[in-house]
Amino acid sequence: MINLLWGDPLPPTRGPKPAMTVEGITGAAIALADTDGLDAVSMQRVAAALSFTKMALYRYVPGKAELVALMTDVAMGLPPDRPRRPWREALMTWALDLYAAFEKHPWLLLSTVGRRELGPNELTWMDHGVRALTESGLNGGQQLDAVLTVVGHVRTVAQQSLSMPGGSTGVTEEHITSALSEVLATQSERFPGLAVAMRSIDGQQNKGLTFGLDVILDGLEVLIKRG
């Protein structure tokens, strides 16, 4: 697994000259996940997409777990190279870039949970997040905790709002607002708090991602100033 993730693929030990590559197999698996979802990825389907047998794939990738790890790291890619900025702006931009990565490949929300091997691209994302805070005054543990808190918020919003290929349909705040409006049209007295809140929205819905990030960053700013 480590060899595959960190750029040192194991060559086939028997048989004819290699007709496939780990990169090609990974790309085919990513295309399948983008279209039909992560659950649709199997060694059999990837082999069929490449016009090879399933057994031929095993000469390059040991199994589905290793394939998903490769897919995850390749699909994450490297974070955009941004100019150096003050910590708050840098961390906000990093968080929005991370959301964009999930938006491009929503199945990453499933493949990046649980105990697993981490690849170089995913660790580079974490490194960039921590580096945004290196001059903030937070210590190393606080920097890591801050990044994990931001990641948690980004993941939560993405899980709610992004449609999964071959799976659930994302629900935006516009959808929720529309559903609430229908109910409150006849039930406002039963839910007075919601009714008042809905009347004061005034086009500010669908801001959950940036609102939550601003709240987290406000908290970090207080912590930093406290010293």
Protein backbone atom coordinates (compact mmCIF):
# COMPACT_ATOMS: atom_id res chain seq x y z
CA MET A 1 0.00 0.00 0.00
CA ILE A 2 2.70 2.51 0.99
CA ASN A 3 4.67 1.81 -2.18
CA LEU A 4 1.61 2.39 -4.36
CA LEU A 5 0.52 5.58 -2.58
CA TRP A 6 3.93 7.15 -2.41
CA GLY A 7 4.97 6.74 -6.03
CA ASP A 8 6.86 3.47 -6.00
CA PRO A 9 4.47 0.98 -7.66
CA LEU A 10 5.37 -2.64 -7.52
CA PRO A 11 5.96 -4.06 -11.02
CA PRO A 12 4.20 -7.27 -12.10
CA THR A 13 6.31 -10.25 -11.16
CA ARG A 14 5.12 -12.62 -13.89
CA GLY A 15 3.59 -12.65 -17.32
CA PRO A 16 4.12 -10.61 -20.47
CA LYS A 17 5.24 -7.02 -20.77
CA PRO A 18 2.90 -4.76 -18.78
CA ALA A 19 -0.10 -3.61 -20.81
CA MET A 20 -1.57 -1.47 -18.01
CA THR A 21 -0.32 1.06 -15.50
CA VAL A 22 -1.38 1.87 -11.97
CA GLU A 23 -2.15 5.39 -13.17
CA GLY A 24 -4.42 4.10 -15.91
CA ILE A 25 -6.25 1.77 -13.55
CA THR A 26 -6.71 4.57 -11.02
CA GLY A 27 -8.01 6.96 -13.67
CA ALA A 28 -10.56 4.42 -14.89
CA ALA A 29 -11.74 3.82 -11.33
CA ILE A 30 -12.11 7.57 -10.68
CA ALA A 31 -14.16 7.98 -13.86
CA LEU A 32 -16.43 5.16 -12.72
CA ALA A 33 -16.87 6.69 -9.25
CA ASP A 34 -17.60 10.12 -10.74
CA THR A 35 -20.37 8.62 -12.87
CA ASP A 36 -21.90 5.90 -10.69
CA GLY A 37 -20.59 6.47 -7.18
CA LEU A 38 -17.95 4.83 -5.01
CA ASP A 39 -20.05 1.72 -4.35
CA ALA A 40 -20.04 1.02 -8.08
CA VAL A 41 -16.26 0.66 -8.15
CA SER A 42 -15.13 -2.94 -8.20
CA MET A 43 -12.11 -4.69 -9.61
CA GLN A 44 -14.42 -6.40 -12.10
CA ARG A 45 -15.96 -3.16 -13.42
CA VAL A 46 -12.64 -1.35 -13.63
CA ALA A 47 -11.14 -4.28 -15.52
CA ALA A 48 -14.09 -4.28 -17.91
CA ALA A 49 -13.69 -0.54 -18.52
CA LEU A 50 -10.08 -1.20 -19.52
CA SER A 51 -10.95 -4.31 -21.56
CA PHE A 52 -8.89 -6.57 -19.30
CA THR A 53 -9.69 -9.40 -16.95
CA LYS A 54 -10.10 -8.85 -13.23
CA MET A 55 -7.16 -11.15 -12.54
CA ALA A 56 -4.95 -8.95 -14.71
CA LEU A 57 -5.70 -5.99 -12.45
CA TYR A 58 -4.47 -7.83 -9.38
CA ARG A 59 -0.97 -7.88 -10.87
CA TYR A 60 -0.90 -4.09 -10.44
CA VAL A 61 -3.22 -3.33 -7.51
CA PRO A 62 -3.68 -5.88 -4.68
CA GLY A 63 -7.38 -5.18 -4.07
CA LYS A 64 -10.22 -2.68 -3.81
CA ALA A 65 -9.00 -1.10 -0.56
CA GLU A 66 -5.68 -0.22 -2.18
CA LEU A 67 -7.47 0.99 -5.31
CA VAL A 68 -9.74 3.31 -3.31
CA ALA A 69 -6.70 4.72 -1.49
CA LEU A 70 -5.05 5.49 -4.82
CA MET A 71 -8.27 6.98 -6.22
CA THR A 72 -8.64 9.20 -3.17
CA ASP A 73 -5.16 10.64 -3.31
CA VAL A 74 -5.23 11.22 -7.06
CA ALA A 75 -8.72 12.77 -6.99
CA MET A 76 -7.77 15.07 -4.12
CA GLY A 77 -4.85 16.33 -6.16
CA LEU A 78 -2.64 19.08 -4.80
CA PRO A 79 -4.14 22.22 -3.24
CA PRO A 80 -3.94 25.34 -5.42
CA ASP A 81 -0.73 27.26 -5.03
CA ARG A 82 -1.84 30.49 -3.37
CA PRO A 83 0.24 33.59 -2.60
CA ARG A 84 1.12 34.13 1.03
CA ARG A 85 -1.67 35.91 2.90
CA PRO A 86 -2.63 36.79 6.50
CA TRP A 87 -3.68 33.67 8.41
CA ARG A 88 -7.42 34.34 8.36
CA GLU A 89 -7.63 34.97 4.63
CA ALA A 90 -5.30 32.04 3.94
CA LEU A 91 -7.33 29.58 6.01
CA MET A 92 -10.64 30.77 4.53
CA THR A 93 -9.29 30.36 1.00
CA TRP A 94 -7.89 26.92 1.87
CA ALA A 95 -11.27 25.82 3.24
CA LEU A 96 -13.09 26.99 0.10
CA ASP A 97 -10.53 25.17 -2.04
CA LEU A 98 -11.18 22.02 -0.03
CA TYR A 99 -14.92 22.35 -0.56
CA ALA A 100 -14.27 22.71 -4.30
CA ALA A 101 -12.30 19.44 -4.23
CA PHE A 102 -15.26 17.66 -2.63
CA GLU A 103 -17.58 19.35 -5.11
CA LYS A 104 -15.55 17.99 -8.04
CA HIS A 105 -15.53 14.43 -6.66
CA PRO A 106 -18.32 14.08 -4.04
CA TRP A 107 -17.47 10.42 -3.41
CA LEU A 108 -14.34 11.68 -1.63
CA LEU A 109 -16.65 12.37 1.31
CA LEU A 110 -17.04 8.58 1.63
CA SER A 111 -13.48 7.53 0.86
CA THR A 112 -11.78 9.93 3.29
CA VAL A 113 -13.30 8.54 6.50
CA GLY A 114 -12.14 5.77 8.81
CA ARG A 115 -8.72 4.32 9.47
CA ARG A 116 -6.70 4.17 6.27
CA GLU A 117 -3.37 4.97 4.70
CA LEU A 118 -2.86 8.63 3.83
CA GLY A 119 -1.25 9.59 0.55
CA PRO A 120 1.06 12.51 -0.28
CA ASN A 121 -1.62 14.70 -1.85
CA GLU A 122 -3.96 14.43 1.12
CA LEU A 123 -1.12 15.19 3.52
CA THR A 124 -0.13 18.18 1.38
CA TRP A 125 -3.65 19.56 1.89
CA MET A 126 -3.23 19.23 5.64
CA ASP A 127 0.24 20.76 5.46
CA HIS A 128 -1.08 23.82 3.62
CA GLY A 129 -3.85 24.23 6.19
CA VAL A 130 -1.38 24.15 9.06
CA ARG A 131 1.05 26.45 7.26
CA ALA A 132 -1.71 29.06 7.02
CA LEU A 133 -1.49 29.29 10.82
CA THR A 134 2.26 29.10 11.38
CA GLU A 135 2.56 32.84 12.06
CA SER A 136 -0.76 33.19 13.87
CA GLY A 137 0.65 32.69 17.36
CA LEU A 138 -1.12 29.36 17.87
CA ASN A 139 1.03 26.44 18.97
CA GLY A 140 1.32 23.25 16.92
CA GLY A 141 -1.49 21.42 18.68
CA GLN A 142 -3.82 24.37 18.31
CA GLN A 143 -2.96 24.68 14.64
CA LEU A 144 -3.83 21.03 14.02
CA ASP A 145 -7.04 21.29 16.04
CA ALA A 146 -8.03 24.44 14.15
CA VAL A 147 -7.50 22.77 10.78
CA LEU A 148 -9.47 19.70 11.85
CA THR A 149 -12.32 21.93 13.05
CA VAL A 150 -12.40 23.71 9.69
CA VAL A 151 -12.30 20.38 7.83
CA GLY A 152 -15.20 19.11 9.93
CA HIS A 153 -17.35 22.10 9.01
CA VAL A 154 -16.48 21.88 5.32
CA ARG A 155 -17.28 18.15 5.28
CA THR A 156 -20.60 18.64 7.07
CA VAL A 157 -21.81 21.28 4.62
CA ALA A 158 -20.57 19.26 1.65
CA GLN A 159 -22.31 16.10 2.87
CA GLN A 160 -25.59 17.98 3.16
CA SER A 161 -25.46 19.96 -0.06
CA LEU A 162 -23.59 17.88 -2.66
CA SER A 163 -25.26 15.20 -4.74
CA MET A 164 -23.54 11.83 -4.68
CA PRO A 165 -23.16 10.10 -8.06
CA GLY A 166 -25.37 7.03 -8.00
CA GLY A 167 -26.67 7.99 -4.55
CA SER A 168 -28.30 10.74 -2.54
CA THR A 169 -29.27 14.15 -3.89
CA GLY A 170 -27.82 17.17 -2.12
CA VAL A 171 -30.13 19.56 -0.32
CA THR A 172 -29.27 23.25 -0.54
CA GLU A 173 -30.45 25.88 1.89
CA GLU A 174 -32.79 27.13 -0.85
CA HIS A 175 -34.50 23.72 -0.79
CA ILE A 176 -34.84 23.84 2.98
CA THR A 177 -36.10 27.42 2.89
CA SER A 178 -38.67 26.55 0.24
CA ALA A 179 -39.93 23.57 2.24
CA LEU A 180 -40.17 25.65 5.41
CA SER A 181 -42.02 28.41 3.59
CA GLU A 182 -44.67 25.95 2.44
CA VAL A 183 -45.23 24.65 5.96
CA LEU A 184 -45.14 28.04 7.66
CA ALA A 185 -47.65 29.47 5.22
CA THR A 186 -50.31 27.68 7.28
CA GLN A 187 -48.45 26.74 10.48
CA SER A 188 -46.68 29.95 11.52
CA GLU A 189 -48.45 30.16 14.89
CA ARG A 190 -47.27 26.66 15.76
CA PHE A 191 -43.65 27.49 14.98
CA PRO A 192 -43.29 31.18 15.88
CA GLY A 193 -39.50 31.15 16.14
CA LEU A 194 -39.10 29.74 12.64
CA ALA A 195 -41.70 32.12 11.28
CA VAL A 196 -39.85 35.18 12.60
CA ALA A 197 -36.50 33.87 11.36
CA MET A 198 -37.88 33.14 7.89
CA ARG A 199 -39.32 36.63 7.57
CA SER A 200 -35.90 38.14 8.27
CA ILE A 201 -33.86 35.97 5.87
CA ASP A 202 -34.09 38.48 3.01
CA GLY A 203 -31.96 36.59 0.50
CA GLN A 204 -29.26 35.55 2.98
CA GLN A 205 -29.86 31.79 2.69
CA ASN A 206 -27.31 29.32 1.35
CA LYS A 207 -24.48 30.98 3.27
CA GLY A 208 -23.92 28.11 5.70
CA LEU A 209 -20.41 27.32 4.46
CA THR A 210 -18.98 30.82 4.73
CA PHE A 211 -21.06 31.72 7.80
CA GLY A 212 -19.71 28.73 9.70
CA LEU A 213 -16.15 29.42 8.57
CA ASP A 214 -16.42 33.03 9.70
CA VAL A 215 -17.65 31.89 13.12
CA ILE A 216 -14.75 29.42 13.45
CA LEU A 217 -12.23 32.04 12.36
CA ASP A 218 -13.74 34.60 14.74
CA GLY A 219 -13.17 32.11 17.56
CA LEU A 220 -9.59 31.52 16.49
CA GLU A 221 -9.02 35.27 16.38
CA VAL A 222 -10.22 35.59 19.97
CA LEU A 223 -7.92 32.74 21.00
CA ILE A 224 -4.95 34.32 19.24
CA LYS A 225 -5.54 37.74 20.80
CA ARG A 226 -5.87 36.13 24.22
CA GLY A 227 -2.37 34.79 23.75
